[in-house]
Amino acid sequence: MTSSKALLAGAVVAALAQVNTASADPRMQASSGLQYSDGKYGETTSTSALVVPFSVRATFGAWSIRASVPYVMVDGPADVSEIIDDSSGRGSSSGSGSSGSGSGSGSGTSGRDGSGSGSGSGGSGGGDDDGEPPVPSVASRSESGIGDASIALTYSLDALGDSPAYVDFTGRVRLPTGSEADGLGIGATDYVAMSELGWDGDAGGAFVSAGRRFLGSVDDFERVDGWQASVGGWVNVGDTAVVGAYYDWRDSSTRDGEDPSSIEAYVSWRLNDAWKIEVNGGVGLSDASADYTAGLTLIWRSSAKH
């Protein structure tokens, strides 16, 4: 596991060096909003989480780098730090079909435009700390603060064989910036390596993605590496609106834990060349996922330079 992490980290550093020397002018994107989730996660009472995600992405030709950090408010007995995550995939990102390219993620709504808000409270699943033992039940628990930040680097191959097909390769690092004691962060550094194959046509598109997670160690219990996968699609409605949905699954981060899985749908509207707004909602399919999620995201993107 250690060698796999070192290999992934080395690849990210090497790729960053290439991005830094790229001659292409960057295209910038920023997003924020509100993401709400609620679920019992095996407890007798519900735990709710309200996340205000902040995300910035720069695209240099085929390369893109994305950083995100959430502000988190949690109320309830369960540890939901694992669901405050950034799954970093073009297909599982707030997006809009064929209107643009680039990776990103967040609350997990599908689309090629990859504008995601960057801290999905439920989209990438995993209340009960993604199958890990929950925080012991208490009569009242309310915490707020910065959650775990993440940095993702993606290389995109577009128009494969002069078709609408694309492939993305992404490496992501999740950093322990949130308080583990307050249930706002994992308390360890995690790595993800994933790839995505998709079709981005004029009428809409579809994608399938798969990846491997390499999880850092914590003191209280053993975390285990695992796989993750998503599949979904979207339809372009006119020139400004997109409707899409996707299914997301991943291995539990503890041995013999329940695997998180969820389904989410979204609608996005492009207000003008720079701004887009999106509404999303989803339901969990396992006790390790939030019972339901809902969100609103506002995205700004700079104009393309020619």
Protein backbone atom coordinates (compact mmCIF):
# COMPACT_ATOMS: atom_id res chain seq x y z
CA MET A 1 0.00 0.00 0.00
CA THR A 2 2.82 2.40 0.87
CA SER A 3 4.51 1.83 -2.50
CA SER A 4 1.20 2.43 -4.31
CA LYS A 5 0.75 5.74 -2.50
CA ALA A 6 4.31 6.79 -3.26
CA LEU A 7 3.83 5.89 -6.93
CA LEU A 8 0.61 7.89 -7.18
CA ALA A 9 2.13 10.88 -5.37
CA GLY A 10 5.15 10.80 -7.67
CA ALA A 11 2.92 10.72 -10.74
CA VAL A 12 0.96 13.74 -9.48
CA VAL A 13 4.16 15.72 -8.84
CA ALA A 14 5.53 14.89 -12.31
CA ALA A 15 2.26 15.85 -13.97
CA LEU A 16 2.13 19.12 -12.03
CA ALA A 17 5.56 19.98 -13.38
CA GLN A 18 4.24 19.50 -16.92
CA VAL A 19 1.18 21.64 -16.17
CA ASN A 20 3.40 24.39 -14.79
CA THR A 21 5.36 24.57 -18.02
CA ALA A 22 2.36 24.24 -20.33
CA SER A 23 2.05 27.04 -22.86
CA ALA A 24 -1.75 26.96 -23.06
CA ASP A 25 -3.61 29.86 -21.41
CA PRO A 26 -5.59 28.58 -18.43
CA ARG A 27 -9.38 28.56 -18.29
CA MET A 28 -10.56 29.23 -14.75
CA GLN A 29 -13.64 28.02 -12.94
CA ALA A 30 -15.00 28.56 -9.42
CA SER A 31 -18.09 27.22 -7.67
CA SER A 32 -19.89 27.20 -4.36
CA GLY A 33 -23.35 26.53 -2.97
CA LEU A 34 -25.17 24.48 -0.33
CA GLN A 35 -25.34 20.70 0.03
CA TYR A 36 -27.62 19.08 2.62
CA SER A 37 -27.83 15.43 3.69
CA ASP A 38 -29.74 13.54 6.36
CA GLY A 39 -29.64 9.93 7.54
CA LYS A 40 -29.53 7.61 10.56
CA TYR A 41 -26.40 5.67 9.50
CA GLY A 42 -27.27 2.81 11.87
CA GLU A 43 -28.05 5.12 14.80
CA THR A 44 -31.48 5.54 16.43
CA THR A 45 -31.64 9.24 15.57
CA SER A 46 -30.78 11.11 12.39
CA THR A 47 -27.65 13.11 11.65
CA SER A 48 -27.83 16.07 9.28
CA ALA A 49 -24.94 17.76 7.50
CA LEU A 50 -24.96 21.12 5.76
CA VAL A 51 -21.90 21.73 3.57
CA VAL A 52 -20.81 24.97 1.92
CA PRO A 53 -18.26 23.85 -0.68
CA PHE A 54 -15.63 26.07 -2.29
CA SER A 55 -13.88 24.88 -5.44
CA VAL A 56 -11.44 26.36 -7.97
CA ARG A 57 -10.20 24.71 -11.16
CA ALA A 58 -7.67 25.74 -13.81
CA THR A 59 -7.52 24.00 -17.21
CA PHE A 60 -4.34 24.07 -19.32
CA GLY A 61 -5.10 22.32 -22.60
CA ALA A 62 -5.55 18.62 -21.80
CA TRP A 63 -4.55 19.11 -18.15
CA SER A 64 -6.69 20.44 -15.34
CA ILE A 65 -5.99 20.93 -11.64
CA ARG A 66 -8.69 21.42 -9.07
CA ALA A 67 -8.66 22.36 -5.37
CA SER A 68 -11.64 22.28 -3.05
CA VAL A 69 -12.40 22.77 0.63
CA PRO A 70 -15.79 22.61 2.41
CA TYR A 71 -17.22 24.44 5.41
CA VAL A 72 -19.24 21.86 7.33
CA MET A 73 -22.07 21.99 9.88
CA VAL A 74 -23.04 18.64 11.44
CA ASP A 75 -25.91 17.97 13.86
CA GLY A 76 -26.44 14.44 15.22
CA PRO A 77 -24.65 11.42 16.71
CA ALA A 78 -23.08 9.79 13.62
CA ASP A 79 -19.62 10.54 12.19
CA VAL A 80 -20.30 11.71 8.63
CA SER A 81 -16.82 13.00 7.80
CA GLU A 82 -16.35 10.45 5.01
CA ILE A 83 -19.32 11.71 3.02
CA ILE A 84 -17.93 15.24 2.91
CA ASP A 85 -15.82 14.25 -0.03
CA ASP A 86 -14.78 15.22 -3.53
CA SER A 87 -14.93 12.23 -5.82
CA SER A 88 -13.27 14.08 -8.71
CA GLY A 89 -14.62 12.66 -11.92
CA ARG A 90 -15.88 14.35 -15.05
CA GLY A 91 -18.98 12.19 -15.30
CA SER A 92 -19.77 12.44 -11.60
CA SER A 93 -19.52 16.21 -11.54
CA SER A 94 -21.90 19.10 -11.75
CA GLY A 95 -21.95 19.62 -15.44
CA SER A 96 -23.67 20.28 -18.67
CA GLY A 97 -23.21 17.81 -21.41
CA SER A 98 -21.45 18.91 -24.54
CA SER A 99 -21.18 22.55 -23.56
CA GLY A 100 -17.59 22.17 -22.43
CA SER A 101 -14.97 19.85 -21.09
CA GLY A 102 -12.83 19.43 -18.04
CA SER A 103 -12.99 17.46 -14.88
CA GLY A 104 -14.33 18.27 -11.51
CA SER A 105 -16.68 16.91 -8.97
CA GLY A 106 -18.46 17.45 -5.83
CA SER A 107 -21.91 16.56 -4.84
CA GLY A 108 -21.89 14.21 -7.71
CA THR A 109 -24.04 15.26 -10.62
CA SER A 110 -23.20 13.96 -14.01
CA GLY A 111 -21.97 15.92 -16.97
CA ARG A 112 -19.06 16.62 -19.20
CA ASP A 113 -18.60 20.21 -18.13
CA GLY A 114 -17.24 19.13 -14.78
CA SER A 115 -18.17 22.15 -12.78
CA GLY A 116 -18.80 20.36 -9.52
CA SER A 117 -19.05 22.07 -6.21
CA GLY A 118 -16.48 19.83 -4.64
CA SER A 119 -17.78 18.40 -1.40
CA GLY A 120 -20.56 16.00 -1.93
CA SER A 121 -22.44 15.37 1.24
CA GLY A 122 -23.85 12.11 0.06
CA GLY A 123 -23.26 11.97 -3.68
CA SER A 124 -20.21 9.82 -3.30
CA GLY A 125 -21.75 8.01 -0.41
CA GLY A 126 -20.67 6.94 2.97
CA GLY A 127 -22.33 8.10 6.13
CA ASP A 128 -21.39 6.08 9.19
CA ASP A 129 -17.92 7.18 8.06
CA ASP A 130 -18.20 5.05 4.92
CA GLY A 131 -18.88 1.88 6.89
CA GLU A 132 -16.55 2.80 9.74
CA PRO A 133 -17.77 2.70 13.37
CA PRO A 134 -19.95 5.76 14.11
CA VAL A 135 -19.22 8.21 16.86
CA PRO A 136 -20.99 6.94 20.04
CA SER A 137 -24.55 8.23 20.34
CA VAL A 138 -24.96 11.40 22.35
CA ALA A 139 -28.03 13.37 23.32
CA SER A 140 -26.90 16.41 21.35
CA ARG A 141 -23.92 16.98 19.07
CA SER A 142 -23.49 20.04 16.89
CA GLU A 143 -20.16 20.90 15.25
CA SER A 144 -19.03 23.24 12.49
CA GLY A 145 -15.78 24.16 10.80
CA ILE A 146 -13.52 23.49 7.82
CA GLY A 147 -13.63 19.94 6.43
CA ASP A 148 -10.97 17.97 4.56
CA ALA A 149 -9.52 19.70 1.49
CA SER A 150 -8.64 17.90 -1.73
CA ILE A 151 -6.47 18.46 -4.80
CA ALA A 152 -7.14 16.62 -8.06
CA LEU A 153 -5.14 16.49 -11.29
CA THR A 154 -6.72 15.21 -14.52
CA TYR A 155 -5.42 14.44 -18.00
CA SER A 156 -8.13 14.31 -20.69
CA LEU A 157 -8.16 12.63 -24.08
CA ASP A 158 -11.03 14.11 -26.11
CA ALA A 159 -12.63 13.22 -29.44
CA LEU A 160 -11.18 9.69 -29.56
CA GLY A 161 -11.08 8.52 -33.17
CA ASP A 162 -12.82 11.77 -34.22
CA SER A 163 -15.86 10.68 -32.19
CA PRO A 164 -17.61 12.19 -29.13
CA ALA A 165 -15.83 9.62 -26.93
CA TYR A 166 -13.39 10.75 -24.23
CA VAL A 167 -11.17 9.28 -21.52
CA ASP A 168 -10.02 11.01 -18.34
CA PHE A 169 -7.27 9.92 -15.94
CA THR A 170 -7.37 11.49 -12.47
CA GLY A 171 -5.18 11.41 -9.39
CA ARG A 172 -6.53 12.95 -6.19
CA VAL A 173 -5.19 13.64 -2.70
CA ARG A 174 -7.48 14.26 0.25
CA LEU A 175 -5.77 16.27 2.99
CA PRO A 176 -6.64 16.09 6.74
CA THR A 177 -7.53 19.76 7.20
CA GLY A 178 -10.78 19.05 9.09
CA SER A 179 -10.97 18.28 12.82
CA GLU A 180 -11.09 14.52 13.39
CA ALA A 181 -12.18 15.02 17.02
CA ASP A 182 -15.23 17.03 15.91
CA GLY A 183 -16.12 14.59 13.12
CA LEU A 184 -15.33 17.14 10.40
CA GLY A 185 -12.35 15.29 8.91
CA ILE A 186 -10.91 11.81 8.49
CA GLY A 187 -7.62 12.55 10.25
CA ALA A 188 -5.54 10.91 7.51
CA THR A 189 -4.29 11.55 3.98
CA ASP A 190 -6.12 9.55 1.30
CA TYR A 191 -5.22 8.98 -2.36
CA VAL A 192 -7.44 8.07 -5.33
CA ALA A 193 -6.46 6.94 -8.83
CA MET A 194 -9.34 6.68 -11.29
CA SER A 195 -10.26 6.70 -14.96
CA GLU A 196 -13.45 7.55 -16.80
CA LEU A 197 -14.75 6.59 -20.24
CA GLY A 198 -17.60 8.65 -21.66
CA TRP A 199 -19.56 9.76 -24.71
CA ASP A 200 -20.34 13.47 -25.05
CA GLY A 201 -22.68 14.04 -27.98
CA ASP A 202 -24.87 16.92 -29.10
CA ALA A 203 -28.02 15.41 -27.60
CA GLY A 204 -26.39 14.23 -24.37
CA GLY A 205 -23.96 11.65 -23.14
CA ALA A 206 -23.08 8.81 -20.79
CA PHE A 207 -20.10 7.72 -18.73
CA VAL A 208 -18.66 4.92 -16.65
CA SER A 209 -15.81 5.42 -14.19
CA ALA A 210 -13.77 3.22 -11.87
CA GLY A 211 -10.96 3.85 -9.42
CA ARG A 212 -8.93 2.61 -6.50
CA ARG A 213 -8.69 4.36 -3.13
CA PHE A 214 -5.58 4.18 -0.93
CA LEU A 215 -6.58 5.15 2.60
CA GLY A 216 -4.40 6.58 5.35
CA SER A 217 -4.23 5.13 8.85
CA VAL A 218 -6.06 6.42 11.92
CA ASP A 219 -5.63 5.47 15.58
CA ASP A 220 -9.08 4.15 16.51
CA PHE A 221 -9.72 1.50 13.82
CA GLU A 222 -8.21 -0.09 10.73
CA ARG A 223 -9.12 1.39 7.35
CA VAL A 224 -8.76 -0.72 4.21
CA ASP A 225 -8.17 0.30 0.58
CA GLY A 226 -11.00 -0.29 -1.85
CA TRP A 227 -12.60 0.23 -5.25
CA GLN A 228 -15.18 2.74 -6.39
CA ALA A 229 -17.34 3.02 -9.52
CA SER A 230 -20.02 5.23 -11.07
CA VAL A 231 -22.26 5.08 -14.13
CA GLY A 232 -24.71 7.64 -15.48
CA GLY A 233 -25.81 9.91 -18.26
CA TRP A 234 -27.34 13.25 -19.19
CA VAL A 235 -29.59 14.84 -21.79
CA ASN A 236 -29.13 18.33 -23.22
CA VAL A 237 -32.46 20.17 -23.21
CA GLY A 238 -32.17 23.01 -25.71
CA ASP A 239 -29.05 25.16 -25.57
CA THR A 240 -29.10 26.06 -21.87
CA ALA A 241 -30.47 23.19 -19.75
CA VAL A 242 -29.22 19.71 -18.85
CA VAL A 243 -30.97 16.85 -17.02
CA GLY A 244 -28.95 13.90 -15.75
CA ALA A 245 -28.65 11.10 -13.22
CA TYR A 246 -26.03 8.64 -12.02
CA TYR A 247 -25.42 5.67 -9.70
CA ASP A 248 -22.41 5.66 -7.37
CA TRP A 249 -20.87 2.78 -5.35
CA ARG A 250 -17.68 2.15 -3.41
CA ASP A 251 -16.15 -0.38 -1.06
CA SER A 252 -16.48 0.19 2.66
CA SER A 253 -13.36 1.69 4.20
CA THR A 254 -13.43 -0.91 7.00
CA ARG A 255 -13.31 -4.68 6.71
CA ASP A 256 -16.80 -6.25 6.76
CA GLY A 257 -18.43 -2.80 6.70
CA GLU A 258 -21.42 -2.02 4.48
CA ASP A 259 -20.66 -0.55 1.04
CA PRO A 260 -22.05 2.96 0.41
CA SER A 261 -24.20 3.38 -2.70
CA SER A 262 -26.57 6.07 -3.91
CA ILE A 263 -28.55 7.43 -6.87
CA GLU A 264 -28.65 11.12 -7.69
CA ALA A 265 -30.35 13.31 -10.29
CA TYR A 266 -29.86 16.96 -11.24
CA VAL A 267 -30.98 19.81 -13.47
CA SER A 268 -28.66 22.65 -14.51
CA TRP A 269 -29.28 25.88 -16.36
CA ARG A 270 -26.69 28.02 -18.12
CA LEU A 271 -27.59 31.62 -17.33
CA ASN A 272 -25.01 33.12 -19.71
CA ASP A 273 -21.49 32.44 -20.98
CA ALA A 274 -20.01 32.83 -17.50
CA TRP A 275 -22.63 31.59 -15.02
CA LYS A 276 -24.53 28.37 -14.42
CA ILE A 277 -26.83 27.18 -11.63
CA GLU A 278 -27.66 23.62 -10.67
CA VAL A 279 -30.17 21.84 -8.40
CA ASN A 280 -29.56 18.22 -7.37
CA GLY A 281 -31.11 15.57 -5.13
CA GLY A 282 -30.46 11.93 -4.30
CA VAL A 283 -31.31 8.93 -2.15
CA GLY A 284 -29.06 6.43 -0.41
CA LEU A 285 -29.32 2.72 -1.17
CA SER A 286 -27.49 1.42 1.92
CA ASP A 287 -27.23 2.17 5.64
CA ALA A 288 -23.74 3.58 4.97
CA SER A 289 -25.20 6.37 2.82
CA ALA A 290 -27.35 9.39 3.62
CA ASP A 291 -31.09 8.69 3.38
CA TYR A 292 -31.48 11.70 1.11
CA THR A 293 -29.47 14.64 -0.19
CA ALA A 294 -30.29 17.98 -1.83
CA GLY A 295 -28.15 20.80 -3.10
CA LEU A 296 -27.82 24.06 -4.99
CA THR A 297 -24.61 25.05 -6.79
CA LEU A 298 -23.57 28.26 -8.53
CA ILE A 299 -20.69 28.01 -11.03
CA TRP A 300 -18.61 30.71 -12.71
CA ARG A 301 -16.30 30.00 -15.66
CA SER A 302 -13.98 32.34 -17.51
CA SER A 303 -14.30 32.74 -21.25
CA ALA A 304 -12.23 30.51 -23.50
CA LYS A 305 -9.14 32.13 -25.04
CA HIS A 306 -8.34 31.53 -28.68
